[in-house]
N, C-alpha and C. Protein backbone atom coordinates (compact mmCIF):
# COMPACT_ATOMS: atom_id res chain seq x y z
N MET A 1 -49.48 97.78 -96.60
CA MET A 1 -49.79 98.02 -95.22
C MET A 1 -48.99 97.11 -94.27
N ILE A 2 -48.36 96.08 -94.81
CA ILE A 2 -47.52 95.19 -94.00
C ILE A 2 -46.08 95.44 -94.39
N THR A 3 -45.23 95.76 -93.43
CA THR A 3 -43.82 96.04 -93.72
C THR A 3 -43.10 94.75 -94.12
N GLY A 4 -41.96 94.90 -94.75
CA GLY A 4 -41.14 93.74 -95.11
C GLY A 4 -40.74 92.93 -93.89
N GLN A 5 -40.43 93.62 -92.80
CA GLN A 5 -40.06 92.97 -91.55
C GLN A 5 -41.21 92.12 -91.02
N ALA A 6 -42.42 92.63 -91.11
CA ALA A 6 -43.60 91.89 -90.64
C ALA A 6 -43.86 90.67 -91.55
N LYS A 7 -43.69 90.85 -92.87
CA LYS A 7 -43.87 89.72 -93.79
C LYS A 7 -42.89 88.60 -93.48
N GLU A 8 -41.62 88.97 -93.23
CA GLU A 8 -40.61 87.97 -92.86
C GLU A 8 -40.98 87.30 -91.55
N SER A 9 -41.56 88.06 -90.63
CA SER A 9 -41.97 87.49 -89.34
C SER A 9 -43.10 86.49 -89.52
N PHE A 10 -44.11 86.84 -90.33
CA PHE A 10 -45.19 85.88 -90.60
C PHE A 10 -44.62 84.59 -91.20
N GLU A 11 -43.67 84.75 -92.13
CA GLU A 11 -43.06 83.57 -92.76
C GLU A 11 -42.29 82.73 -91.74
N ARG A 12 -41.50 83.36 -90.90
CA ARG A 12 -40.73 82.61 -89.89
C ARG A 12 -41.65 81.90 -88.90
N ILE A 13 -42.72 82.58 -88.51
CA ILE A 13 -43.69 81.96 -87.59
C ILE A 13 -44.34 80.75 -88.25
N PHE A 14 -44.70 80.88 -89.53
CA PHE A 14 -45.28 79.73 -90.25
C PHE A 14 -44.29 78.58 -90.31
N ARG A 15 -43.04 78.86 -90.71
CA ARG A 15 -42.03 77.80 -90.84
C ARG A 15 -41.81 77.07 -89.52
N LYS A 16 -41.70 77.83 -88.44
CA LYS A 16 -41.48 77.22 -87.12
C LYS A 16 -42.65 76.32 -86.75
N ALA A 17 -43.87 76.81 -86.94
CA ALA A 17 -45.06 76.03 -86.61
C ALA A 17 -45.16 74.77 -87.47
N ALA A 18 -44.93 74.91 -88.77
CA ALA A 18 -45.02 73.76 -89.68
C ALA A 18 -43.98 72.70 -89.33
N GLN A 19 -42.76 73.12 -89.06
CA GLN A 19 -41.71 72.15 -88.73
C GLN A 19 -41.93 71.49 -87.38
N ALA A 20 -42.59 72.19 -86.47
CA ALA A 20 -42.85 71.62 -85.15
C ALA A 20 -44.10 70.75 -85.10
N ARG A 21 -45.11 71.07 -85.91
CA ARG A 21 -46.41 70.41 -85.76
C ARG A 21 -46.83 69.48 -86.89
N LEU A 22 -46.33 69.67 -88.11
CA LEU A 22 -46.77 68.79 -89.20
C LEU A 22 -46.13 67.40 -89.12
N PRO A 23 -44.85 67.26 -88.80
CA PRO A 23 -44.29 65.91 -88.64
C PRO A 23 -44.86 65.25 -87.39
N LEU A 24 -45.13 63.96 -87.47
CA LEU A 24 -45.69 63.24 -86.32
C LEU A 24 -44.65 62.99 -85.23
N GLN A 25 -43.39 62.82 -85.65
CA GLN A 25 -42.32 62.57 -84.68
C GLN A 25 -41.21 63.60 -84.89
N SER A 26 -40.54 63.96 -83.81
CA SER A 26 -39.49 64.98 -83.91
C SER A 26 -38.33 64.52 -84.79
N SER A 27 -38.17 63.23 -84.98
CA SER A 27 -37.10 62.72 -85.84
C SER A 27 -37.45 62.77 -87.33
N ASP A 28 -38.71 63.01 -87.66
CA ASP A 28 -39.14 63.10 -89.06
C ASP A 28 -38.70 64.44 -89.65
N THR A 29 -38.22 64.40 -90.88
CA THR A 29 -37.79 65.64 -91.53
C THR A 29 -39.00 66.40 -92.06
N CYS A 30 -38.83 67.72 -92.18
CA CYS A 30 -39.88 68.58 -92.74
C CYS A 30 -39.19 69.66 -93.55
N GLU A 31 -39.17 69.46 -94.87
CA GLU A 31 -38.54 70.43 -95.77
C GLU A 31 -39.60 71.37 -96.31
N ILE A 32 -39.31 72.67 -96.23
CA ILE A 32 -40.24 73.70 -96.69
C ILE A 32 -39.52 74.56 -97.72
N VAL A 33 -40.09 74.62 -98.93
CA VAL A 33 -39.49 75.38 -100.02
C VAL A 33 -40.54 76.33 -100.58
N PRO A 34 -40.19 77.62 -100.76
CA PRO A 34 -41.16 78.55 -101.34
C PRO A 34 -41.57 78.13 -102.75
N ILE A 35 -42.83 78.36 -103.08
CA ILE A 35 -43.35 78.14 -104.43
C ILE A 35 -43.51 79.53 -105.04
N ALA A 36 -43.08 79.69 -106.28
CA ALA A 36 -43.07 81.01 -106.92
C ALA A 36 -44.44 81.66 -106.99
N GLU A 37 -45.47 80.90 -107.33
CA GLU A 37 -46.80 81.47 -107.49
C GLU A 37 -47.76 80.80 -106.52
N ALA A 38 -48.48 81.59 -105.75
CA ALA A 38 -49.41 81.07 -104.75
C ALA A 38 -50.43 80.14 -105.39
N GLY A 39 -50.64 78.99 -104.75
CA GLY A 39 -51.67 78.07 -105.19
C GLY A 39 -51.25 77.10 -106.28
N THR A 40 -49.98 77.07 -106.67
CA THR A 40 -49.57 76.16 -107.74
C THR A 40 -49.42 74.74 -107.22
N GLY A 41 -49.40 73.79 -108.12
CA GLY A 41 -49.15 72.39 -107.77
C GLY A 41 -50.39 71.59 -107.42
N ALA A 42 -51.56 72.14 -107.53
CA ALA A 42 -52.78 71.43 -107.17
C ALA A 42 -53.22 70.53 -108.31
N THR A 43 -53.63 69.31 -107.96
CA THR A 43 -54.24 68.41 -108.93
C THR A 43 -55.76 68.58 -108.83
N ARG A 44 -56.50 67.90 -109.68
CA ARG A 44 -57.95 68.07 -109.61
C ARG A 44 -58.52 67.43 -108.35
N ASP A 45 -57.77 66.53 -107.70
CA ASP A 45 -58.22 65.90 -106.46
C ASP A 45 -57.70 66.60 -105.21
N THR A 46 -56.88 67.60 -105.39
CA THR A 46 -56.30 68.28 -104.24
C THR A 46 -57.38 69.01 -103.45
N GLN A 47 -57.29 68.87 -102.15
CA GLN A 47 -58.17 69.58 -101.25
C GLN A 47 -57.33 70.49 -100.38
N VAL A 48 -57.97 71.43 -99.70
CA VAL A 48 -57.25 72.31 -98.80
C VAL A 48 -57.98 72.36 -97.46
N VAL A 49 -57.19 72.50 -96.42
CA VAL A 49 -57.72 72.75 -95.08
C VAL A 49 -57.48 74.23 -94.82
N VAL A 50 -58.53 74.94 -94.48
CA VAL A 50 -58.44 76.39 -94.25
C VAL A 50 -58.65 76.66 -92.77
N LEU A 51 -57.72 77.42 -92.19
CA LEU A 51 -57.83 77.88 -90.81
C LEU A 51 -57.60 79.38 -90.80
N THR A 52 -58.25 80.07 -89.91
CA THR A 52 -58.15 81.52 -89.86
C THR A 52 -57.72 81.96 -88.47
N ILE A 53 -56.79 82.91 -88.44
CA ILE A 53 -56.44 83.62 -87.21
C ILE A 53 -56.82 85.07 -87.45
N SER A 54 -57.66 85.62 -86.59
CA SER A 54 -58.13 86.99 -86.79
C SER A 54 -57.78 87.85 -85.59
N SER A 55 -57.44 89.09 -85.90
CA SER A 55 -57.21 90.10 -84.87
C SER A 55 -57.94 91.37 -85.29
N ILE A 56 -57.76 92.41 -84.52
CA ILE A 56 -58.36 93.69 -84.85
C ILE A 56 -57.71 94.27 -86.10
N VAL A 57 -56.42 93.98 -86.33
CA VAL A 57 -55.69 94.61 -87.44
C VAL A 57 -55.45 93.71 -88.64
N PHE A 58 -55.68 92.40 -88.54
CA PHE A 58 -55.45 91.52 -89.68
C PHE A 58 -56.29 90.26 -89.60
N ARG A 59 -56.37 89.58 -90.75
CA ARG A 59 -56.95 88.24 -90.87
C ARG A 59 -55.92 87.39 -91.59
N LEU A 60 -55.49 86.32 -90.96
CA LEU A 60 -54.50 85.41 -91.55
C LEU A 60 -55.20 84.10 -91.89
N LEU A 61 -55.05 83.67 -93.14
CA LEU A 61 -55.54 82.35 -93.55
C LEU A 61 -54.34 81.43 -93.69
N LEU A 62 -54.38 80.32 -92.98
CA LEU A 62 -53.40 79.26 -93.18
C LEU A 62 -54.11 78.18 -93.97
N ILE A 63 -53.62 77.92 -95.18
CA ILE A 63 -54.26 76.97 -96.08
C ILE A 63 -53.28 75.84 -96.34
N LEU A 64 -53.62 74.64 -95.91
CA LEU A 64 -52.77 73.48 -96.11
C LEU A 64 -53.36 72.61 -97.20
N HIS A 65 -52.60 72.39 -98.28
CA HIS A 65 -53.04 71.66 -99.46
C HIS A 65 -52.65 70.19 -99.28
N PHE A 66 -53.54 69.28 -99.65
CA PHE A 66 -53.22 67.86 -99.53
C PHE A 66 -53.97 67.04 -100.57
N ASP A 67 -53.38 65.92 -100.91
CA ASP A 67 -54.04 64.87 -101.69
C ASP A 67 -54.14 63.68 -100.75
N GLU A 68 -55.31 63.11 -100.62
CA GLU A 68 -55.45 61.93 -99.77
C GLU A 68 -54.97 60.73 -100.57
N ASN A 69 -53.66 60.52 -100.55
CA ASN A 69 -53.07 59.40 -101.29
C ASN A 69 -52.45 58.42 -100.29
N ASP A 70 -51.89 57.34 -100.82
CA ASP A 70 -51.35 56.29 -99.94
C ASP A 70 -50.25 56.80 -99.02
N SER A 71 -49.32 57.62 -99.53
CA SER A 71 -48.22 58.07 -98.67
C SER A 71 -48.75 58.97 -97.54
N ALA A 72 -49.72 59.82 -97.82
CA ALA A 72 -50.30 60.68 -96.78
C ALA A 72 -51.08 59.83 -95.78
N ARG A 73 -51.90 58.91 -96.28
CA ARG A 73 -52.68 58.05 -95.37
C ARG A 73 -51.77 57.22 -94.48
N ASN A 74 -50.75 56.59 -95.09
CA ASN A 74 -49.84 55.75 -94.31
C ASN A 74 -49.11 56.56 -93.24
N TYR A 75 -48.72 57.77 -93.57
CA TYR A 75 -47.98 58.60 -92.62
C TYR A 75 -48.88 59.11 -91.48
N PHE A 76 -49.99 59.73 -91.82
CA PHE A 76 -50.81 60.37 -90.80
C PHE A 76 -51.73 59.41 -90.05
N LEU A 77 -51.94 58.20 -90.55
CA LEU A 77 -52.80 57.23 -89.87
C LEU A 77 -52.05 56.08 -89.23
N LYS A 78 -50.74 56.11 -89.23
CA LYS A 78 -50.01 54.94 -88.73
C LYS A 78 -50.32 54.60 -87.28
N ASP A 79 -50.65 55.59 -86.45
CA ASP A 79 -50.96 55.31 -85.05
C ASP A 79 -52.43 55.53 -84.72
N ALA A 80 -53.27 55.75 -85.72
CA ALA A 80 -54.67 56.08 -85.46
C ALA A 80 -55.59 55.24 -86.33
N ALA A 81 -55.60 53.95 -86.11
CA ALA A 81 -56.39 53.04 -86.95
C ALA A 81 -57.90 53.29 -86.81
N ASP A 82 -58.33 53.86 -85.68
CA ASP A 82 -59.75 54.09 -85.48
C ASP A 82 -60.22 55.45 -85.96
N GLN A 83 -59.33 56.22 -86.58
CA GLN A 83 -59.65 57.56 -87.07
C GLN A 83 -59.64 57.58 -88.59
N SER A 84 -60.46 58.45 -89.17
CA SER A 84 -60.39 58.62 -90.62
C SER A 84 -59.19 59.51 -90.94
N PHE A 85 -58.75 59.46 -92.18
CA PHE A 85 -57.63 60.31 -92.59
C PHE A 85 -57.96 61.77 -92.34
N GLN A 86 -59.15 62.19 -92.73
CA GLN A 86 -59.50 63.60 -92.60
C GLN A 86 -59.49 64.05 -91.14
N GLU A 87 -60.01 63.22 -90.24
CA GLU A 87 -59.99 63.57 -88.81
C GLU A 87 -58.55 63.74 -88.31
N ALA A 88 -57.70 62.80 -88.65
CA ALA A 88 -56.30 62.86 -88.20
C ALA A 88 -55.58 64.06 -88.80
N PHE A 89 -55.80 64.30 -90.09
CA PHE A 89 -55.10 65.41 -90.74
C PHE A 89 -55.61 66.76 -90.23
N LEU A 90 -56.91 66.89 -90.01
CA LEU A 90 -57.46 68.14 -89.48
C LEU A 90 -56.88 68.45 -88.10
N GLU A 91 -56.68 67.42 -87.30
CA GLU A 91 -56.08 67.61 -85.97
C GLU A 91 -54.66 68.15 -86.09
N ILE A 92 -53.88 67.59 -87.02
CA ILE A 92 -52.51 68.05 -87.25
C ILE A 92 -52.52 69.50 -87.74
N CYS A 93 -53.41 69.82 -88.67
CA CYS A 93 -53.51 71.19 -89.19
C CYS A 93 -53.88 72.17 -88.09
N ASN A 94 -54.79 71.75 -87.23
CA ASN A 94 -55.21 72.60 -86.12
C ASN A 94 -54.05 72.87 -85.16
N LEU A 95 -53.22 71.86 -84.91
CA LEU A 95 -52.04 72.04 -84.06
C LEU A 95 -51.05 73.02 -84.69
N CYS A 96 -50.87 72.93 -86.00
CA CYS A 96 -49.96 73.83 -86.70
C CYS A 96 -50.46 75.27 -86.60
N CYS A 97 -51.73 75.49 -86.86
CA CYS A 97 -52.30 76.83 -86.77
C CYS A 97 -52.27 77.33 -85.32
N GLY A 98 -52.52 76.44 -84.38
CA GLY A 98 -52.46 76.80 -82.97
C GLY A 98 -51.07 77.27 -82.56
N ALA A 99 -50.04 76.64 -83.10
CA ALA A 99 -48.67 77.06 -82.81
C ALA A 99 -48.41 78.46 -83.37
N MET A 100 -48.93 78.74 -84.56
CA MET A 100 -48.81 80.08 -85.12
C MET A 100 -49.55 81.09 -84.24
N ASN A 101 -50.76 80.72 -83.82
CA ASN A 101 -51.57 81.59 -82.98
C ASN A 101 -50.83 81.92 -81.67
N GLN A 102 -50.24 80.90 -81.04
CA GLN A 102 -49.50 81.12 -79.80
C GLN A 102 -48.35 82.10 -80.00
N GLU A 103 -47.64 81.97 -81.10
CA GLU A 103 -46.51 82.87 -81.37
C GLU A 103 -47.00 84.28 -81.65
N LEU A 104 -48.07 84.40 -82.42
CA LEU A 104 -48.60 85.73 -82.75
C LEU A 104 -49.18 86.44 -81.54
N LEU A 105 -49.62 85.69 -80.53
CA LEU A 105 -50.15 86.30 -79.31
C LEU A 105 -49.12 87.18 -78.60
N HIS A 106 -47.83 86.94 -78.84
CA HIS A 106 -46.78 87.77 -78.25
C HIS A 106 -46.84 89.20 -78.79
N TYR A 107 -47.39 89.37 -79.98
CA TYR A 107 -47.39 90.68 -80.66
C TYR A 107 -48.78 91.27 -80.82
N PHE A 108 -49.79 90.41 -80.84
CA PHE A 108 -51.17 90.83 -81.04
C PHE A 108 -52.01 90.15 -79.96
N PRO A 109 -52.41 90.89 -78.93
CA PRO A 109 -53.03 90.25 -77.76
C PRO A 109 -54.44 89.70 -77.97
N ASP A 110 -55.17 90.17 -78.93
CA ASP A 110 -56.56 89.75 -79.11
C ASP A 110 -56.70 88.96 -80.40
N LEU A 111 -56.52 87.65 -80.32
CA LEU A 111 -56.62 86.80 -81.51
C LEU A 111 -57.72 85.77 -81.33
N GLY A 112 -58.35 85.45 -82.43
CA GLY A 112 -59.32 84.37 -82.46
C GLY A 112 -58.92 83.40 -83.56
N MET A 113 -59.17 82.11 -83.34
CA MET A 113 -58.79 81.09 -84.32
C MET A 113 -60.01 80.27 -84.68
N SER A 114 -60.18 80.02 -85.97
CA SER A 114 -61.33 79.24 -86.44
C SER A 114 -61.05 77.75 -86.30
N THR A 115 -62.09 76.96 -86.45
CA THR A 115 -61.92 75.52 -86.59
C THR A 115 -61.57 75.24 -88.04
N PRO A 116 -60.88 74.15 -88.31
CA PRO A 116 -60.50 73.86 -89.70
C PRO A 116 -61.70 73.40 -90.52
N TYR A 117 -61.67 73.76 -91.80
CA TYR A 117 -62.67 73.25 -92.73
C TYR A 117 -61.99 72.90 -94.04
N VAL A 118 -62.58 71.96 -94.76
CA VAL A 118 -61.98 71.41 -95.98
C VAL A 118 -62.75 71.93 -97.20
N LEU A 119 -61.98 72.39 -98.20
CA LEU A 119 -62.54 72.87 -99.47
C LEU A 119 -61.75 72.25 -100.63
N SER A 120 -62.28 72.39 -101.81
CA SER A 120 -61.54 72.00 -103.01
C SER A 120 -60.43 73.03 -103.24
N ALA A 121 -59.31 72.58 -103.75
CA ALA A 121 -58.19 73.49 -104.04
C ALA A 121 -58.55 74.48 -105.15
N ARG A 122 -59.63 74.23 -105.87
CA ARG A 122 -60.04 75.19 -106.91
C ARG A 122 -60.33 76.57 -106.33
N CYS A 123 -60.63 76.64 -105.03
CA CYS A 123 -60.93 77.93 -104.41
C CYS A 123 -59.70 78.82 -104.30
N LEU A 124 -58.50 78.26 -104.44
CA LEU A 124 -57.27 79.05 -104.31
C LEU A 124 -57.19 80.17 -105.34
N SER A 125 -57.78 79.98 -106.49
CA SER A 125 -57.72 81.02 -107.52
C SER A 125 -58.48 82.29 -107.09
N TYR A 126 -59.30 82.19 -106.05
CA TYR A 126 -60.07 83.33 -105.58
C TYR A 126 -59.38 84.11 -104.45
N LEU A 127 -58.21 83.66 -104.01
CA LEU A 127 -57.51 84.37 -102.94
C LEU A 127 -57.24 85.83 -103.28
N GLN A 128 -56.95 86.11 -104.54
CA GLN A 128 -56.67 87.50 -104.94
C GLN A 128 -57.88 88.40 -104.71
N GLU A 129 -59.08 87.84 -104.70
CA GLU A 129 -60.29 88.63 -104.45
C GLU A 129 -60.28 89.23 -103.04
N LEU A 130 -59.52 88.62 -102.13
CA LEU A 130 -59.42 89.13 -100.76
C LEU A 130 -58.50 90.34 -100.67
N LYS A 131 -57.78 90.62 -101.77
CA LYS A 131 -56.81 91.72 -101.81
C LYS A 131 -55.78 91.59 -100.68
N PRO A 132 -55.07 90.45 -100.65
CA PRO A 132 -54.13 90.22 -99.55
C PRO A 132 -52.94 91.17 -99.59
N ASP A 133 -52.45 91.50 -98.42
CA ASP A 133 -51.26 92.32 -98.29
C ASP A 133 -50.00 91.44 -98.25
N PHE A 134 -50.20 90.16 -97.97
CA PHE A 134 -49.11 89.18 -97.98
C PHE A 134 -49.69 87.85 -98.42
N LEU A 135 -49.08 87.24 -99.43
CA LEU A 135 -49.53 85.95 -99.94
C LEU A 135 -48.30 85.17 -100.35
N SER A 136 -48.13 84.00 -99.73
CA SER A 136 -46.94 83.20 -100.01
C SER A 136 -47.30 81.73 -99.92
N SER A 137 -46.75 80.92 -100.85
CA SER A 137 -47.01 79.48 -100.86
C SER A 137 -45.72 78.70 -100.73
N TYR A 138 -45.86 77.50 -100.21
CA TYR A 138 -44.70 76.66 -99.91
C TYR A 138 -44.99 75.21 -100.26
N SER A 139 -43.97 74.52 -100.73
CA SER A 139 -44.03 73.07 -100.92
C SER A 139 -43.44 72.45 -99.65
N ILE A 140 -44.12 71.44 -99.13
CA ILE A 140 -43.67 70.79 -97.89
C ILE A 140 -43.50 69.30 -98.15
N THR A 141 -42.34 68.78 -97.77
CA THR A 141 -42.08 67.34 -97.86
C THR A 141 -41.76 66.84 -96.46
N ILE A 142 -42.56 65.88 -95.99
CA ILE A 142 -42.36 65.31 -94.66
C ILE A 142 -41.78 63.92 -94.81
N ASP A 143 -40.68 63.71 -94.11
CA ASP A 143 -40.01 62.41 -94.06
C ASP A 143 -39.68 61.85 -95.45
N GLY A 144 -39.45 62.75 -96.40
CA GLY A 144 -39.03 62.37 -97.73
C GLY A 144 -40.10 61.81 -98.64
N SER A 145 -41.32 61.57 -98.12
CA SER A 145 -42.33 60.92 -98.97
C SER A 145 -43.70 61.58 -98.97
N VAL A 146 -44.03 62.35 -97.98
CA VAL A 146 -45.36 62.95 -97.90
C VAL A 146 -45.29 64.37 -98.47
N GLN A 147 -46.06 64.60 -99.52
CA GLN A 147 -46.07 65.91 -100.19
C GLN A 147 -47.31 66.70 -99.77
N LEU A 148 -47.06 67.90 -99.27
CA LEU A 148 -48.13 68.84 -98.94
C LEU A 148 -47.74 70.18 -99.53
N ALA A 149 -48.61 71.13 -99.39
CA ALA A 149 -48.28 72.52 -99.72
C ALA A 149 -49.01 73.39 -98.71
N ALA A 150 -48.59 74.63 -98.63
CA ALA A 150 -49.24 75.56 -97.71
C ALA A 150 -49.26 76.94 -98.34
N THR A 151 -50.29 77.69 -98.03
CA THR A 151 -50.38 79.08 -98.43
C THR A 151 -50.71 79.89 -97.19
N VAL A 152 -49.97 80.97 -97.02
CA VAL A 152 -50.24 81.92 -95.94
C VAL A 152 -50.72 83.20 -96.61
N CYS A 153 -51.91 83.63 -96.22
CA CYS A 153 -52.55 84.81 -96.80
C CYS A 153 -52.91 85.74 -95.65
N VAL A 154 -52.39 86.97 -95.69
CA VAL A 154 -52.68 87.94 -94.63
C VAL A 154 -53.32 89.18 -95.25
N CYS A 155 -54.48 89.54 -94.74
CA CYS A 155 -55.18 90.75 -95.15
C CYS A 155 -55.14 91.71 -93.97
N ALA A 156 -54.58 92.89 -94.20
CA ALA A 156 -54.42 93.87 -93.12
C ALA A 156 -55.52 94.92 -93.16
N ASP A 157 -55.99 95.28 -91.98
CA ASP A 157 -56.97 96.36 -91.85
C ASP A 157 -56.33 97.63 -91.30
N ALA A 158 -55.06 97.53 -90.95
CA ALA A 158 -54.29 98.66 -90.42
C ALA A 158 -52.82 98.36 -90.70
N PRO A 159 -51.94 99.34 -90.62
CA PRO A 159 -50.51 99.08 -90.83
C PRO A 159 -49.99 98.06 -89.81
N ILE A 160 -49.16 97.12 -90.30
CA ILE A 160 -48.59 96.08 -89.43
C ILE A 160 -47.08 96.12 -89.57
N ASP A 161 -46.41 96.24 -88.42
CA ASP A 161 -44.96 96.18 -88.37
C ASP A 161 -44.56 95.54 -87.06
N PHE A 162 -43.93 94.38 -87.13
CA PHE A 162 -43.41 93.71 -85.94
C PHE A 162 -42.26 92.83 -86.37
N MET A 163 -41.42 92.47 -85.40
CA MET A 163 -40.29 91.58 -85.66
C MET A 163 -40.41 90.40 -84.71
N ALA A 164 -40.72 89.23 -85.26
CA ALA A 164 -40.87 88.03 -84.44
C ALA A 164 -39.52 87.58 -83.93
N ASP A 165 -39.43 87.40 -82.63
CA ASP A 165 -38.22 86.89 -82.00
C ASP A 165 -38.31 85.38 -81.96
N MET A 166 -37.61 84.72 -82.85
CA MET A 166 -37.69 83.27 -82.95
C MET A 166 -36.54 82.58 -82.23
N SER A 167 -35.78 83.32 -81.42
CA SER A 167 -34.63 82.72 -80.74
C SER A 167 -35.05 81.82 -79.59
N ALA A 168 -36.14 82.14 -78.92
CA ALA A 168 -36.62 81.32 -77.81
C ALA A 168 -37.49 80.20 -78.36
N ILE A 169 -37.12 78.97 -78.06
CA ILE A 169 -37.88 77.81 -78.53
C ILE A 169 -38.76 77.33 -77.38
N GLU A 170 -40.06 77.34 -77.63
CA GLU A 170 -41.01 76.89 -76.62
C GLU A 170 -41.55 75.53 -77.03
N GLU A 171 -41.59 74.61 -76.07
CA GLU A 171 -42.14 73.29 -76.33
C GLU A 171 -43.50 73.19 -75.64
N THR A 172 -44.52 72.87 -76.39
CA THR A 172 -45.84 72.60 -75.81
C THR A 172 -46.34 71.31 -76.40
N SER A 173 -47.27 70.72 -75.72
CA SER A 173 -47.77 69.43 -76.18
C SER A 173 -49.08 69.55 -76.94
N GLY A 174 -49.47 70.74 -77.33
CA GLY A 174 -50.69 70.92 -78.10
C GLY A 174 -51.93 70.95 -77.23
N GLU A 175 -51.76 71.47 -76.03
CA GLU A 175 -52.91 71.52 -75.12
C GLU A 175 -53.99 72.43 -75.69
N LEU A 176 -55.18 72.18 -75.23
CA LEU A 176 -56.35 72.93 -75.68
C LEU A 176 -56.43 74.25 -74.94
N GLU A 177 -56.76 75.31 -75.66
CA GLU A 177 -56.97 76.60 -75.04
C GLU A 177 -58.46 76.87 -75.03
N LEU A 178 -58.98 77.28 -73.89
CA LEU A 178 -60.40 77.59 -73.78
C LEU A 178 -60.56 79.09 -73.74
N PHE A 179 -61.55 79.59 -74.48
CA PHE A 179 -61.79 81.03 -74.53
C PHE A 179 -63.05 81.36 -73.78
């Protein structure tokens, strides 16, 4: 139900959002590499942050995989000593999903976005139960030392075909949108 062009568009929108919002500073690198099988690379301590973007025609799950280890804590907490790792990381994940939501609004006018929630990565094996029309996972390395992963899962309720125009670069500071 999702055309190849639309799948490529979802992927480009994810990549743009991840590269813009996951690194804390614009000078930090963000390498994104596809993973052959969705949900691979999880350890028994791996957790995931799940965010949902919903429209009339689809439900998109953005799932960011993380291990709360020293490199992740040092990176995401360096400027937030009064915040817990989970609070800081959830804020970053929310900004990433918000950037995807903003881009998708150009093509789908009625979108809703969930608040982030944390689950065990063991739940990833159940994604196939949703019967996704698009499922793709990525390995993410930030600034050469922070390892994350991401899964984009899209379930369509109607045919989807669009071509995301990624030529225009929009800069926003992550302002809050009120509905």
